[in-house]
Protein backbone atom coordinates (compact mmCIF):
# COMPACT_ATOMS: atom_id res chain seq x y z
CA MET A 1 61.68 36.76 77.57
CA PRO A 2 61.15 33.04 76.71
CA ASP A 3 58.59 34.08 74.07
CA ASN A 4 61.22 36.24 72.41
CA ILE A 5 63.66 33.31 72.32
CA ASP A 6 60.96 31.02 70.92
CA ASN A 7 60.11 33.58 68.23
CA LYS A 8 63.79 33.87 67.26
CA ALA A 9 64.08 30.07 67.10
CA LYS A 10 60.93 29.82 64.98
CA CYS A 11 62.21 32.57 62.68
CA ALA A 12 65.57 30.82 62.33
CA ASP A 13 63.78 27.54 61.56
CA GLU A 14 61.67 29.22 58.88
CA ILE A 15 64.76 30.79 57.34
CA ASP A 16 66.50 27.40 57.34
CA ARG A 17 63.45 25.75 55.73
CA ALA A 18 63.34 28.44 53.06
CA ALA A 19 67.08 28.01 52.44
CA ILE A 20 66.69 24.25 52.10
CA ASP A 21 63.77 24.71 49.70
CA GLN A 22 65.80 27.09 47.55
CA ILE A 23 68.88 24.85 47.58
CA PHE A 24 66.71 21.84 46.73
CA GLU A 25 65.19 23.69 43.76
CA SER A 26 68.67 24.70 42.65
CA THR A 27 69.85 21.09 42.86
CA LEU A 28 66.83 19.98 40.86
CA GLN A 29 67.58 22.55 38.17
CA ILE A 30 71.21 21.44 37.98
CA SER A 31 70.08 17.82 37.69
CA ASN A 32 67.75 18.72 34.83
CA GLN A 33 70.61 20.64 33.22
CA CYS A 34 72.80 17.52 33.38
CA PHE A 35 70.15 15.58 31.48
CA GLU A 36 69.96 18.36 28.90
CA TYR A 37 73.78 18.25 28.55
CA LYS A 38 73.58 14.56 27.73
CA LYS A 39 70.84 15.06 25.14
CA LEU A 40 72.74 17.95 23.57
CA CYS A 41 75.96 15.92 23.48
CA VAL A 42 74.31 13.05 21.61
CA THR A 43 72.68 15.48 19.18
CA VAL A 44 75.88 17.43 18.53
CA LEU A 45 77.89 14.25 18.06
CA GLY A 46 75.36 12.88 15.60
CA VAL A 47 75.23 16.07 13.57
CA ILE A 48 78.98 16.61 13.48
CA VAL A 49 79.83 13.01 12.59
CA ALA A 50 77.18 13.05 9.86
CA ALA A 51 78.54 16.37 8.55
CA LEU A 52 82.12 15.07 8.57
CA LEU A 53 81.09 11.98 6.63
CA LYS A 54 79.19 14.03 4.03
CA ILE A 55 81.97 16.55 3.27
CA ASP A 56 83.26 16.39 -0.32
CA THR A 57 86.72 15.19 0.62
CA PRO A 58 86.78 11.94 2.58
CA THR A 59 87.32 12.50 6.28
CA SER A 60 89.55 9.99 8.01
CA PHE A 61 88.18 7.98 10.88
CA THR A 62 91.05 9.25 13.01
CA THR A 63 89.82 12.82 12.54
CA ILE A 64 86.26 11.78 13.36
CA ALA A 65 87.47 9.92 16.46
CA ILE A 66 89.43 12.97 17.63
CA VAL A 67 86.45 15.29 17.09
CA VAL A 68 84.15 12.89 18.94
CA MET A 69 86.67 12.61 21.78
CA VAL A 70 87.09 16.40 22.11
CA ILE A 71 83.32 16.95 22.10
CA GLY A 72 82.82 14.10 24.58
CA ILE A 73 85.47 15.49 26.94
CA GLY A 74 83.93 18.97 26.72
CA PHE A 75 80.49 17.67 27.63
CA TRP A 76 81.96 15.42 30.32
CA LEU A 77 83.60 18.49 31.91
CA CYS A 78 80.28 20.37 31.86
CA ASP A 79 78.55 17.38 33.44
CA ALA A 80 81.29 16.99 36.07
CA ILE A 81 81.02 20.66 37.03
CA ALA A 82 77.23 20.37 37.33
CA TYR A 83 77.64 17.23 39.46
CA PHE A 84 80.12 19.08 41.70
CA TYR A 85 77.56 21.82 42.34
CA GLN A 86 74.85 19.25 43.06
CA LYS A 87 77.10 17.67 45.70
CA LYS A 88 77.92 21.10 47.14
CA ASN A 89 74.22 21.95 47.40
CA ARG A 90 73.45 18.65 49.11
CA SER A 91 76.32 19.24 51.53
CA VAL A 92 74.92 22.65 52.46
CA MET A 93 71.45 21.12 52.95
CA ASP A 94 72.99 18.46 55.22
CA LYS A 95 74.72 21.12 57.32
CA ILE A 96 71.47 23.02 57.74
CA THR A 97 69.63 19.80 58.59
CA GLN A 98 72.30 18.85 61.15
CA LYS A 99 71.36 21.97 63.14
CA TRP A 100 67.87 20.48 63.55
CA THR A 101 68.96 16.92 64.39
CA PRO A 102 69.69 17.52 68.11
CA LEU A 103 66.28 19.19 68.44
CA VAL A 104 64.33 16.26 67.02
CA GLY A 105 62.77 14.25 69.83
CA HIS A 106 63.85 16.85 72.39
CA THR A 107 61.03 17.92 74.69
CA SER A 108 61.32 20.83 77.01
């Protein structure tokens, strides 16, 4: 009977390790996505501002400022949502890790 309990505990540990690995990979992907958001934001802002300045009729700086602000807020929202999911993933990893904490250093 103790072997069966040990096997279940080992299986649960392996499942937890696999879950942490998957969550970690997910967090890494989200982090990379945040960096891509920032690069895309700078590129889009540069292209749009350049396009607005090159249009036949003169574009007012107020219009350019509003466009830049709207684009910046849109990308900021995307980045904030990605950050939220990173924090959520780390929270889930912490909860899984907390299950192991009482077992560390415990000898039976």
